[in-house]
């Protein structure tokens, strides 16, 4: 496995509805993924059975809800969603981008 990620050499995977992602890197225990949103795009509320997630805001801003707590998060902010906790976002600006980190890695992303 190549230990380096070069964004320019990695294409976005279009997920539809104004959302796209790039896998930055992974091991069996950890995964980092860039997720970019158009303004108004919705990361539908959901919960993971086994994956813990940390989402760090790299650009833009989001209205976010985790485990029933709602707030706006901006560049430099993050949320933590332990497995089983309902979470979702709405992008408030074009190009809003999260760096999602999962443990263990998301096999469904391959």
PDB file of N, CA and C in Angstrom:
ATOM      1  N   UNK A   1       0.845  -1.190   0.000  1.00  0.00           N
ATOM      2  CA  UNK A   1       0.000   0.000   0.000  1.00  0.00           C
ATOM      3  C   UNK A   1       0.887   1.249   0.000  1.00  0.00           C
ATOM      4  N   UNK A   2       0.527   2.224  -0.829  1.00  0.00           N
ATOM      5  CA  UNK A   2       1.251   3.488  -0.880  1.00  0.00           C
ATOM      6  C   UNK A   2       0.974   4.265   0.409  1.00  0.00           C
ATOM      7  N   UNK A   3       2.007   4.688   1.143  1.00  0.00           N
ATOM      8  CA  UNK A   3       1.773   5.396   2.406  1.00  0.00           C
ATOM      9  C   UNK A   3       1.442   6.878   2.234  1.00  0.00           C
ATOM     10  N   UNK A   4       1.352   7.357   0.977  1.00  0.00           N
ATOM     11  CA  UNK A   4       1.081   8.777   0.733  1.00  0.00           C
ATOM     12  C   UNK A   4      -0.224   8.971  -0.029  1.00  0.00           C
ATOM     13  N   UNK A   5      -0.891  10.086   0.268  1.00  0.00           N
ATOM     14  CA  UNK A   5      -2.096  10.507  -0.448  1.00  0.00           C
ATOM     15  C   UNK A   5      -1.773  11.818  -1.147  1.00  0.00           C
ATOM     16  N   UNK A   6      -2.010  11.882  -2.436  1.00  0.00           N
ATOM     17  CA  UNK A   6      -1.848  13.111  -3.208  1.00  0.00           C
ATOM     18  C   UNK A   6      -3.207  13.466  -3.783  1.00  0.00           C
ATOM     19  N   UNK A   7      -3.772  14.534  -3.288  1.00  0.00           N
ATOM     20  CA  UNK A   7      -5.136  14.903  -3.675  1.00  0.00           C
ATOM     21  C   UNK A   7      -5.286  15.072  -5.180  1.00  0.00           C
ATOM     22  N   UNK A   8      -4.289  15.692  -5.822  1.00  0.00           N
ATOM     23  CA  UNK A   8      -4.378  15.940  -7.264  1.00  0.00           C
ATOM     24  C   UNK A   8      -4.445  14.646  -8.081  1.00  0.00           C
ATOM     25  N   UNK A   9      -3.944  13.554  -7.527  1.00  0.00           N
ATOM     26  CA  UNK A   9      -3.947  12.272  -8.228  1.00  0.00           C
ATOM     27  C   UNK A   9      -5.161  11.416  -7.879  1.00  0.00           C
ATOM     28  N   UNK A  10      -6.042  11.933  -7.050  1.00  0.00           N
ATOM     29  CA  UNK A  10      -7.196  11.160  -6.584  1.00  0.00           C
ATOM     30  C   UNK A  10      -8.483  11.835  -7.029  1.00  0.00           C
ATOM     31  N   UNK A  11      -9.320  11.082  -7.720  1.00  0.00           N
ATOM     32  CA  UNK A  11     -10.594  11.625  -8.206  1.00  0.00           C
ATOM     33  C   UNK A  11     -11.653  11.570  -7.109  1.00  0.00           C
ATOM     34  N   UNK A  12     -12.588  12.524  -7.172  1.00  0.00           N
ATOM     35  CA  UNK A  12     -13.748  12.487  -6.286  1.00  0.00           C
ATOM     36  C   UNK A  12     -14.700  11.397  -6.759  1.00  0.00           C
ATOM     37  N   UNK A  13     -15.316  10.704  -5.829  1.00  0.00           N
ATOM     38  CA  UNK A  13     -16.402   9.775  -6.126  1.00  0.00           C
ATOM     39  C   UNK A  13     -17.697  10.518  -5.875  1.00  0.00           C
ATOM     40  N   UNK A  14     -18.505  10.703  -6.921  1.00  0.00           N
ATOM     41  CA  UNK A  14     -19.776  11.411  -6.786  1.00  0.00           C
ATOM     42  C   UNK A  14     -20.790  10.501  -6.101  1.00  0.00           C
ATOM     43  N   UNK A  15     -21.379  10.984  -5.018  1.00  0.00           N
ATOM     44  CA  UNK A  15     -22.373  10.213  -4.270  1.00  0.00           C
ATOM     45  C   UNK A  15     -23.792  10.639  -4.606  1.00  0.00           C
ATOM     46  N   UNK A  16     -23.930  11.740  -5.343  1.00  0.00           N
ATOM     47  CA  UNK A  16     -25.247  12.263  -5.691  1.00  0.00           C
ATOM     48  C   UNK A  16     -25.717  13.298  -4.699  1.00  0.00           C
ATOM     49  N   UNK A  17     -26.713  14.066  -5.108  1.00  0.00           N
ATOM     50  CA  UNK A  17     -27.337  15.082  -4.252  1.00  0.00           C
ATOM     51  C   UNK A  17     -26.336  16.088  -3.695  1.00  0.00           C
ATOM     52  N   UNK A  18     -25.286  16.418  -4.498  1.00  0.00           N
ATOM     53  CA  UNK A  18     -24.350  17.456  -4.100  1.00  0.00           C
ATOM     54  C   UNK A  18     -23.288  17.031  -3.112  1.00  0.00           C
ATOM     55  N   UNK A  19     -22.989  15.720  -3.040  1.00  0.00           N
ATOM     56  CA  UNK A  19     -21.985  15.203  -2.103  1.00  0.00           C
ATOM     57  C   UNK A  19     -20.998  14.331  -2.867  1.00  0.00           C
ATOM     58  N   UNK A  20     -19.704  14.473  -2.533  1.00  0.00           N
ATOM     59  CA  UNK A  20     -18.661  13.663  -3.147  1.00  0.00           C
ATOM     60  C   UNK A  20     -17.602  13.316  -2.096  1.00  0.00           C
ATOM     61  N   UNK A  21     -16.824  12.238  -2.337  1.00  0.00           N
ATOM     62  CA  UNK A  21     -15.807  11.854  -1.356  1.00  0.00           C
ATOM     63  C   UNK A  21     -14.538  11.339  -2.034  1.00  0.00           C
ATOM     64  N   UNK A  22     -13.441  11.425  -1.262  1.00  0.00           N
ATOM     65  CA  UNK A  22     -12.146  10.840  -1.622  1.00  0.00           C
ATOM     66  C   UNK A  22     -11.635  10.100  -0.400  1.00  0.00           C
ATOM     67  N   UNK A  23     -11.196   8.864  -0.584  1.00  0.00           N
ATOM     68  CA  UNK A  23     -10.555   8.138   0.510  1.00  0.00           C
ATOM     69  C   UNK A  23      -9.107   8.616   0.598  1.00  0.00           C
ATOM     70  N   UNK A  24      -8.722   9.120   1.768  1.00  0.00           N
ATOM     71  CA  UNK A  24      -7.378   9.654   1.990  1.00  0.00           C
ATOM     72  C   UNK A  24      -6.410   8.525   2.317  1.00  0.00           C
ATOM     73  N   UNK A  25      -6.828   7.612   3.174  1.00  0.00           N
ATOM     74  CA  UNK A  25      -5.990   6.493   3.564  1.00  0.00           C
ATOM     75  C   UNK A  25      -6.716   5.601   4.532  1.00  0.00           C
ATOM     76  N   UNK A  26      -6.167   4.387   4.714  1.00  0.00           N
ATOM     77  CA  UNK A  26      -6.836   3.443   5.617  1.00  0.00           C
ATOM     78  C   UNK A  26      -5.905   2.322   6.033  1.00  0.00           C
ATOM     79  N   UNK A  27      -6.226   1.780   7.179  1.00  0.00           N
ATOM     80  CA  UNK A  27      -5.696   0.511   7.669  1.00  0.00           C
ATOM     81  C   UNK A  27      -6.933  -0.282   8.087  1.00  0.00           C
ATOM     82  N   UNK A  28      -6.798  -1.510   8.496  1.00  0.00           N
ATOM     83  CA  UNK A  28      -7.999  -2.225   8.957  1.00  0.00           C
ATOM     84  C   UNK A  28      -8.689  -1.551  10.151  1.00  0.00           C
ATOM     85  N   UNK A  29      -7.937  -0.817  10.966  1.00  0.00           N
ATOM     86  CA  UNK A  29      -8.508  -0.217  12.166  1.00  0.00           C
ATOM     87  C   UNK A  29      -8.920   1.249  12.007  1.00  0.00           C
ATOM     88  N   UNK A  30      -8.500   1.930  10.926  1.00  0.00           N
ATOM     89  CA  UNK A  30      -8.698   3.366  10.809  1.00  0.00           C
ATOM     90  C   UNK A  30      -8.871   3.773   9.358  1.00  0.00           C
ATOM     91  N   UNK A  31      -9.721   4.782   9.111  1.00  0.00           N
ATOM     92  CA  UNK A  31      -9.927   5.302   7.761  1.00  0.00           C
ATOM     93  C   UNK A  31     -10.162   6.797   7.825  1.00  0.00           C
ATOM     94  N   UNK A  32      -9.547   7.553   6.875  1.00  0.00           N
ATOM     95  CA  UNK A  32      -9.785   8.987   6.722  1.00  0.00           C
ATOM     96  C   UNK A  32     -10.363   9.230   5.334  1.00  0.00           C
ATOM     97  N   UNK A  33     -11.420  10.058   5.279  1.00  0.00           N
ATOM     98  CA  UNK A  33     -12.138  10.308   4.034  1.00  0.00           C
ATOM     99  C   UNK A  33     -12.495  11.787   3.951  1.00  0.00           C
ATOM    100  N   UNK A  34     -12.203  12.429   2.817  1.00  0.00           N
ATOM    101  CA  UNK A  34     -12.675  13.779   2.547  1.00  0.00           C
ATOM    102  C   UNK A  34     -14.091  13.692   1.996  1.00  0.00           C
ATOM    103  N   UNK A  35     -14.993  14.507   2.533  1.00  0.00           N
ATOM    104  CA  UNK A  35     -16.371  14.545   2.034  1.00  0.00           C
ATOM    105  C   UNK A  35     -16.707  16.008   1.777  1.00  0.00           C
ATOM    106  N   UNK A  36     -17.033  16.312   0.518  1.00  0.00           N
ATOM    107  CA  UNK A  36     -17.324  17.687   0.116  1.00  0.00           C
ATOM    108  C   UNK A  36     -18.801  17.817  -0.260  1.00  0.00           C
ATOM    109  N   UNK A  37     -19.389  18.948   0.137  1.00  0.00           N
ATOM    110  CA  UNK A  37     -20.820  19.186  -0.024  1.00  0.00           C
ATOM    111  C   UNK A  37     -21.067  20.491  -0.782  1.00  0.00           C
ATOM    112  N   UNK A  38     -22.066  20.489  -1.666  1.00  0.00           N
ATOM    113  CA  UNK A  38     -22.595  21.732  -2.219  1.00  0.00           C
ATOM    114  C   UNK A  38     -23.471  22.376  -1.152  1.00  0.00           C
ATOM    115  N   UNK A  39     -23.676  23.686  -1.270  1.00  0.00           N
ATOM    116  CA  UNK A  39     -24.549  24.385  -0.323  1.00  0.00           C
ATOM    117  C   UNK A  39     -25.928  23.734  -0.318  1.00  0.00           C
ATOM    118  N   UNK A  40     -26.441  23.450   0.880  1.00  0.00           N
ATOM    119  CA  UNK A  40     -27.754  22.846   1.041  1.00  0.00           C
ATOM    120  C   UNK A  40     -27.774  21.330   0.973  1.00  0.00           C
ATOM    121  N   UNK A  41     -26.651  20.707   0.592  1.00  0.00           N
ATOM    122  CA  UNK A  41     -26.600  19.242   0.536  1.00  0.00           C
ATOM    123  C   UNK A  41     -26.738  18.668   1.946  1.00  0.00           C
ATOM    124  N   UNK A  42     -27.439  17.548   2.021  1.00  0.00           N
ATOM    125  CA  UNK A  42     -27.790  16.949   3.306  1.00  0.00           C
ATOM    126  C   UNK A  42     -27.085  15.609   3.488  1.00  0.00           C
ATOM    127  N   UNK A  43     -26.330  15.502   4.576  1.00  0.00           N
ATOM    128  CA  UNK A  43     -25.838  14.212   5.035  1.00  0.00           C
ATOM    129  C   UNK A  43     -26.933  13.652   5.926  1.00  0.00           C
ATOM    130  N   UNK A  44     -27.770  12.796   5.352  1.00  0.00           N
ATOM    131  CA  UNK A  44     -28.972  12.300   6.016  1.00  0.00           C
ATOM    132  C   UNK A  44     -28.650  11.695   7.382  1.00  0.00           C
ATOM    133  N   UNK A  45     -29.425  12.064   8.404  1.00  0.00           N
ATOM    134  CA  UNK A  45     -29.182  11.483   9.732  1.00  0.00           C
ATOM    135  C   UNK A  45     -29.174   9.955   9.698  1.00  0.00           C
ATOM    136  N   UNK A  46     -28.174   9.392  10.346  1.00  0.00           N
ATOM    137  CA  UNK A  46     -27.998   7.943  10.397  1.00  0.00           C
ATOM    138  C   UNK A  46     -27.136   7.594  11.607  1.00  0.00           C
ATOM    139  N   UNK A  47     -27.035   6.329  11.906  1.00  0.00           N
ATOM    140  CA  UNK A  47     -26.159   5.832  12.968  1.00  0.00           C
ATOM    141  C   UNK A  47     -25.397   4.628  12.424  1.00  0.00           C
ATOM    142  N   UNK A  48     -24.186   4.421  12.910  1.00  0.00           N
ATOM    143  CA  UNK A  48     -23.368   3.281  12.505  1.00  0.00           C
ATOM    144  C   UNK A  48     -23.478   2.180  13.547  1.00  0.00           C
ATOM    145  N   UNK A  49     -23.544   0.949  13.073  1.00  0.00           N
ATOM    146  CA  UNK A  49     -23.603  -0.187  13.992  1.00  0.00           C
ATOM    147  C   UNK A  49     -22.278  -0.397  14.722  1.00  0.00           C
ATOM    148  N   UNK A  50     -21.165  -0.299  13.986  1.00  0.00           N
ATOM    149  CA  UNK A  50     -19.864  -0.615  14.594  1.00  0.00           C
ATOM    150  C   UNK A  50     -18.838   0.493  14.461  1.00  0.00           C
ATOM    151  N   UNK A  51     -19.066   1.479  13.619  1.00  0.00           N
ATOM    152  CA  UNK A  51     -18.054   2.495  13.347  1.00  0.00           C
ATOM    153  C   UNK A  51     -18.193   3.714  14.245  1.00  0.00           C
ATOM    154  N   UNK A  52     -17.118   4.070  14.922  1.00  0.00           N
ATOM    155  CA  UNK A  52     -17.016   5.367  15.577  1.00  0.00           C
ATOM    156  C   UNK A  52     -16.530   6.356  14.517  1.00  0.00           C
ATOM    157  N   UNK A  53     -16.984   7.623  14.610  1.00  0.00           N
ATOM    158  CA  UNK A  53     -16.642   8.623  13.598  1.00  0.00           C
ATOM    159  C   UNK A  53     -16.283   9.946  14.255  1.00  0.00           C
ATOM    160  N   UNK A  54     -15.238  10.577  13.734  1.00  0.00           N
ATOM    161  CA  UNK A  54     -14.921  11.969  14.042  1.00  0.00           C
ATOM    162  C   UNK A  54     -14.936  12.709  12.721  1.00  0.00           C
ATOM    163  N   UNK A  55     -15.659  13.836  12.644  1.00  0.00           N
ATOM    164  CA  UNK A  55     -15.728  14.649  11.430  1.00  0.00           C
ATOM    165  C   UNK A  55     -15.197  16.038  11.750  1.00  0.00           C
ATOM    166  N   UNK A  56     -14.128  16.421  11.067  1.00  0.00           N
ATOM    167  CA  UNK A  56     -13.439  17.696  11.288  1.00  0.00           C
ATOM    168  C   UNK A  56     -13.720  18.606  10.098  1.00  0.00           C
ATOM    169  N   UNK A  57     -14.122  19.856  10.354  1.00  0.00           N
ATOM    170  CA  UNK A  57     -14.466  20.786   9.283  1.00  0.00           C
ATOM    171  C   UNK A  57     -13.195  21.427   8.718  1.00  0.00           C
ATOM    172  N   UNK A  58     -12.921  21.143   7.434  1.00  0.00           N
ATOM    173  CA  UNK A  58     -11.767  21.727   6.747  1.00  0.00           C
ATOM    174  C   UNK A  58     -12.119  23.034   6.049  1.00  0.00           C
ATOM    175  N   UNK A  59     -13.362  23.138   5.544  1.00  0.00           N
ATOM    176  CA  UNK A  59     -13.799  24.363   4.875  1.00  0.00           C
ATOM    177  C   UNK A  59     -15.310  24.483   4.981  1.00  0.00           C
ATOM    178  N   UNK A  60     -15.786  25.730   4.906  1.00  0.00           N
ATOM    179  CA  UNK A  60     -17.221  25.968   4.961  1.00  0.00           C
ATOM    180  C   UNK A  60     -17.785  25.830   6.356  1.00  0.00           C
ATOM    181  N   UNK A  61     -19.067  25.466   6.408  1.00  0.00           N
ATOM    182  CA  UNK A  61     -19.756  25.294   7.694  1.00  0.00           C
ATOM    183  C   UNK A  61     -20.946  24.366   7.513  1.00  0.00           C
ATOM    184  N   UNK A  62     -21.403  23.827   8.626  1.00  0.00           N
ATOM    185  CA  UNK A  62     -22.479  22.845   8.615  1.00  0.00           C
ATOM    186  C   UNK A  62     -23.428  23.079   9.780  1.00  0.00           C
ATOM    187  N   UNK A  63     -24.717  22.858   9.544  1.00  0.00           N
ATOM    188  CA  UNK A  63     -25.642  22.662  10.650  1.00  0.00           C
ATOM    189  C   UNK A  63     -25.565  21.177  10.946  1.00  0.00           C
ATOM    190  N   UNK A  64     -25.311  20.849  12.186  1.00  0.00           N
ATOM    191  CA  UNK A  64     -25.009  19.477  12.561  1.00  0.00           C
ATOM    192  C   UNK A  64     -25.895  19.054  13.725  1.00  0.00           C
ATOM    193  N   UNK A  65     -26.268  17.788  13.728  1.00  0.00           N
ATOM    194  CA  UNK A  65     -26.972  17.223  14.879  1.00  0.00           C
ATOM    195  C   UNK A  65     -26.352  15.877  15.219  1.00  0.00           C
ATOM    196  N   UNK A  66     -25.957  15.715  16.469  1.00  0.00           N
ATOM    197  CA  UNK A  66     -25.393  14.459  16.961  1.00  0.00           C
ATOM    198  C   UNK A  66     -26.099  14.110  18.261  1.00  0.00           C
ATOM    199  N   UNK A  67     -26.676  12.919  18.298  1.00  0.00           N
ATOM    200  CA  UNK A  67     -27.340  12.415  19.510  1.00  0.00           C
ATOM    201  C   UNK A  67     -28.327  13.436  20.080  1.00  0.00           C
ATOM    202  N   UNK A  68     -29.059  14.119  19.174  1.00  0.00           N
ATOM    203  CA  UNK A  68     -30.087  15.057  19.601  1.00  0.00           C
ATOM    204  C   UNK A  68     -29.595  16.454  19.926  1.00  0.00           C
ATOM    205  N   UNK A  69     -28.291  16.693  19.827  1.00  0.00           N
ATOM    206  CA  UNK A  69     -27.723  18.021  20.099  1.00  0.00           C
ATOM    207  C   UNK A  69     -27.403  18.683  18.767  1.00  0.00           C
ATOM    208  N   UNK A  70     -27.999  19.858  18.532  1.00  0.00           N
ATOM    209  CA  UNK A  70     -27.843  20.570  17.265  1.00  0.00           C
ATOM    210  C   UNK A  70     -26.987  21.811  17.469  1.00  0.00           C
ATOM    211  N   UNK A  71     -26.068  22.051  16.501  1.00  0.00           N
ATOM    212  CA  UNK A  71     -25.293  23.294  16.500  1.00  0.00           C
ATOM    213  C   UNK A  71     -24.661  23.500  15.133  1.00  0.00           C
ATOM    214  N   UNK A  72     -24.160  24.705  14.910  1.00  0.00           N
ATOM    215  CA  UNK A  72     -23.422  25.024  13.688  1.00  0.00           C
ATOM    216  C   UNK A  72     -21.941  24.815  13.984  1.00  0.00           C
ATOM    217  N   UNK A  73     -21.272  24.097  13.063  1.00  0.00           N
ATOM    218  CA  UNK A  73     -19.834  23.888  13.192  1.00  0.00           C
ATOM    219  C   UNK A  73     -19.140  24.512  11.984  1.00  0.00           C
ATOM    220  N   UNK A  74     -17.969  25.091  12.254  1.00  0.00           N
ATOM    221  CA  UNK A  74     -17.211  25.834  11.247  1.00  0.00           C
ATOM    222  C   UNK A  74     -15.774  25.303  11.162  1.00  0.00           C
ATOM    223  N   UNK A  75     -14.984  25.900  10.289  1.00  0.00           N
ATOM    224  CA  UNK A  75     -13.592  25.487  10.100  1.00  0.00           C
ATOM    225  C   UNK A  75     -12.885  25.364  11.457  1.00  0.00           C
ATOM    226  N   UNK A  76     -12.254  24.219  11.648  1.00  0.00           N
ATOM    227  CA  UNK A  76     -11.541  23.958  12.889  1.00  0.00           C
ATOM    228  C   UNK A  76     -12.375  23.247  13.943  1.00  0.00           C
ATOM    229  N   UNK A  77     -13.699  23.173  13.724  1.00  0.00           N
ATOM    230  CA  UNK A  77     -14.586  22.464  14.651  1.00  0.00           C
ATOM    231  C   UNK A  77     -14.735  21.010  14.202  1.00  0.00           C
ATOM    232  N   UNK A  78     -15.268  20.187  15.072  1.00  0.00           N
ATOM    233  CA  UNK A  78     -15.473  18.772  14.756  1.00  0.00           C
ATOM    234  C   UNK A  78     -16.653  18.243  15.555  1.00  0.00           C
ATOM    235  N   UNK A  79     -17.144  17.086  15.131  1.00  0.00           N
ATOM    236  CA  UNK A  79     -18.092  16.356  15.965  1.00  0.00           C
ATOM    237  C   UNK A  79     -17.625  14.919  16.092  1.00  0.00           C
ATOM    238  N   UNK A  80     -18.030  14.302  17.188  1.00  0.00           N
ATOM    239  CA  UNK A  80     -17.729  12.898  17.453  1.00  0.00           C
ATOM    240  C   UNK A  80     -19.048  12.157  17.530  1.00  0.00           C
ATOM    241  N   UNK A  81     -19.177  11.106  16.717  1.00  0.00           N
ATOM    242  CA  UNK A  81     -20.376  10.270  16.721  1.00  0.00           C
ATOM    243  C   UNK A  81     -19.951   8.833  17.006  1.00  0.00           C
ATOM    244  N   UNK A  82     -20.105   8.428  18.246  1.00  0.00           N
ATOM    245  CA  UNK A  82     -19.820   7.035  18.602  1.00  0.00           C
ATOM    246  C   UNK A  82     -20.839   6.135  17.909  1.00  0.00           C
ATOM    247  N   UNK A  83     -20.450   4.881  17.682  1.00  0.00           N
ATOM    248  CA  UNK A  83     -21.389   3.969  17.017  1.00  0.00           C
ATOM    249  C   UNK A  83     -22.706   3.925  17.802  1.00  0.00           C
ATOM    250  N   UNK A  84     -23.793   3.873  17.031  1.00  0.00           N
ATOM    251  CA  UNK A  84     -25.120   3.854  17.635  1.00  0.00           C
ATOM    252  C   UNK A  84     -25.732   5.229  17.835  1.00  0.00           C
ATOM    253  N   UNK A  85     -24.945   6.318  17.696  1.00  0.00           N
ATOM    254  CA  UNK A  85     -25.468   7.674  17.885  1.00  0.00           C
ATOM    255  C   UNK A  85     -25.908   8.271  16.549  1.00  0.00           C
ATOM    256  N   UNK A  86     -27.148   8.713  16.480  1.00  0.00           N
ATOM    257  CA  UNK A  86     -27.690   9.344  15.286  1.00  0.00           C
ATOM    258  C   UNK A  86     -26.956  10.657  15.026  1.00  0.00           C
ATOM    259  N   UNK A  87     -26.558  10.880  13.753  1.00  0.00           N
ATOM    260  CA  UNK A  87     -25.863  12.113  13.377  1.00  0.00           C
ATOM    261  C   UNK A  87     -26.138  12.444  11.915  1.00  0.00           C
ATOM    262  N   UNK A  88     -26.111  13.743  11.600  1.00  0.00           N
ATOM    263  CA  UNK A  88     -26.318  14.201  10.241  1.00  0.00           C
ATOM    264  C   UNK A  88     -25.921  15.659  10.120  1.00  0.00           C
ATOM    265  N   UNK A  89     -25.766  16.130   8.864  1.00  0.00           N
ATOM    266  CA  UNK A  89     -25.347  17.507   8.611  1.00  0.00           C
ATOM    267  C   UNK A  89     -26.107  18.098   7.431  1.00  0.00           C
ATOM    268  N   UNK A  90     -26.128  19.431   7.388  1.00  0.00           N
ATOM    269  CA  UNK A  90     -26.568  20.192   6.221  1.00  0.00           C
ATOM    270  C   UNK A  90     -25.482  21.218   5.942  1.00  0.00           C
ATOM    271  N   UNK A  91     -24.967  21.246   4.697  1.00  0.00           N
ATOM    272  CA  UNK A  91     -23.918  22.197   4.336  1.00  0.00           C
ATOM    273  C   UNK A  91     -24.514  23.589   4.201  1.00  0.00           C
ATOM    274  N   UNK A  92     -23.871  24.563   4.828  1.00  0.00           N
ATOM    275  CA  UNK A  92     -24.345  25.940   4.796  1.00  0.00           C
ATOM    276  C   UNK A  92     -23.643  26.778   3.731  1.00  0.00           C
ATOM    277  N   UNK A  93     -22.575  26.240   3.120  1.00  0.00           N
ATOM    278  CA  UNK A  93     -21.811  26.960   2.103  1.00  0.00           C
ATOM    279  C   UNK A  93     -21.366  25.985   1.023  1.00  0.00           C
ATOM    280  N   UNK A  94     -21.197  26.486  -0.210  1.00  0.00           N
ATOM    281  CA  UNK A  94     -20.640  25.664  -1.278  1.00  0.00           C
ATOM    282  C   UNK A  94     -19.228  25.224  -0.914  1.00  0.00           C
ATOM    283  N   UNK A  95     -18.881  23.996  -1.252  1.00  0.00           N
ATOM    284  CA  UNK A  95     -17.542  23.489  -1.007  1.00  0.00           C
ATOM    285  C   UNK A  95     -17.236  23.162   0.436  1.00  0.00           C
ATOM    286  N   UNK A  96     -18.253  23.118   1.279  1.00  0.00           N
ATOM    287  CA  UNK A  96     -18.028  22.732   2.678  1.00  0.00           C
ATOM    288  C   UNK A  96     -17.458  21.308   2.701  1.00  0.00           C
ATOM    289  N   UNK A  97     -16.367  21.130   3.449  1.00  0.00           N
ATOM    290  CA  UNK A  97     -15.652  19.859   3.407  1.00  0.00           C
ATOM    291  C   UNK A  97     -15.352  19.351   4.809  1.00  0.00           C
ATOM    292  N   UNK A  98     -15.630  18.065   5.005  1.00  0.00           N
ATOM    293  CA  UNK A  98     -15.307  17.366   6.250  1.00  0.00           C
ATOM    294  C   UNK A  98     -14.170  16.394   5.999  1.00  0.00           C
ATOM    295  N   UNK A  99     -13.312  16.217   6.988  1.00  0.00           N
ATOM    296  CA  UNK A  99     -12.391  15.091   7.017  1.00  0.00           C
ATOM    297  C   UNK A  99     -12.993  14.105   8.008  1.00  0.00           C
ATOM    298  N   UNK A 100     -13.596  13.046   7.472  1.00  0.00           N
ATOM    299  CA  UNK A 100     -14.212  12.006   8.301  1.00  0.00           C
ATOM    300  C   UNK A 100     -13.171  10.954   8.636  1.00  0.00           C
ATOM    301  N   UNK A 101     -13.171  10.534   9.898  1.00  0.00           N
ATOM    302  CA  UNK A 101     -12.292   9.470  10.343  1.00  0.00           C
ATOM    303  C   UNK A 101     -13.141   8.395  10.992  1.00  0.00           C
ATOM    304  N   UNK A 102     -12.910   7.162  10.582  1.00  0.00           N
ATOM    305  CA  UNK A 102     -13.710   6.042  11.061  1.00  0.00           C
ATOM    306  C   UNK A 102     -12.815   4.980  11.688  1.00  0.00           C
ATOM    307  N   UNK A 103     -13.348   4.348  12.714  1.00  0.00           N
ATOM    308  CA  UNK A 103     -12.707   3.185  13.300  1.00  0.00           C
ATOM    309  C   UNK A 103     -13.796   2.163  13.611  1.00  0.00           C
ATOM    310  N   UNK A 104     -13.655   0.944  13.095  1.00  0.00           N
ATOM    311  CA  UNK A 104     -12.695   0.495  12.094  1.00  0.00           C
ATOM    312  C   UNK A 104     -13.028   1.093  10.718  1.00  0.00           C
ATOM    313  N   UNK A 105     -12.209   0.753   9.709  1.00  0.00           N
ATOM    314  CA  UNK A 105     -12.430   1.318   8.376  1.00  0.00           C
ATOM    315  C   UNK A 105     -13.777   0.854   7.814  1.00  0.00           C
ATOM    316  N   UNK A 106     -14.313   1.632   6.874  1.00  0.00           N
ATOM    317  CA  UNK A 106     -15.592   1.369   6.230  1.00  0.00           C
ATOM    318  C   UNK A 106     -15.374   0.482   5.011  1.00  0.00           C
ATOM    319  N   UNK A 107     -15.590  -0.804   5.151  1.00  0.00           N
ATOM    320  CA  UNK A 107     -15.435  -1.717   4.028  1.00  0.00           C
ATOM    321  C   UNK A 107     -16.409  -1.403   2.897  1.00  0.00           C
ATOM    322  N   UNK A 108     -17.571  -0.826   3.248  1.00  0.00           N
ATOM    323  CA  UNK A 108     -18.587  -0.498   2.241  1.00  0.00           C
ATOM    324  C   UNK A 108     -18.147   0.643   1.321  1.00  0.00           C
ATOM    325  N   UNK A 109     -17.048   1.326   1.600  1.00  0.00           N
ATOM    326  CA  UNK A 109     -16.565   2.423   0.768  1.00  0.00           C
ATOM    327  C   UNK A 109     -15.699   1.931  -0.389  1.00  0.00           C
ATOM    328  N   UNK A 110     -15.370   0.627  -0.405  1.00  0.00           N
ATOM    329  CA  UNK A 110     -14.526   0.096  -1.467  1.00  0.00           C
ATOM    330  C   UNK A 110     -15.334  -0.513  -2.588  1.00  0.00           C
TER     331      UNK A 110
END
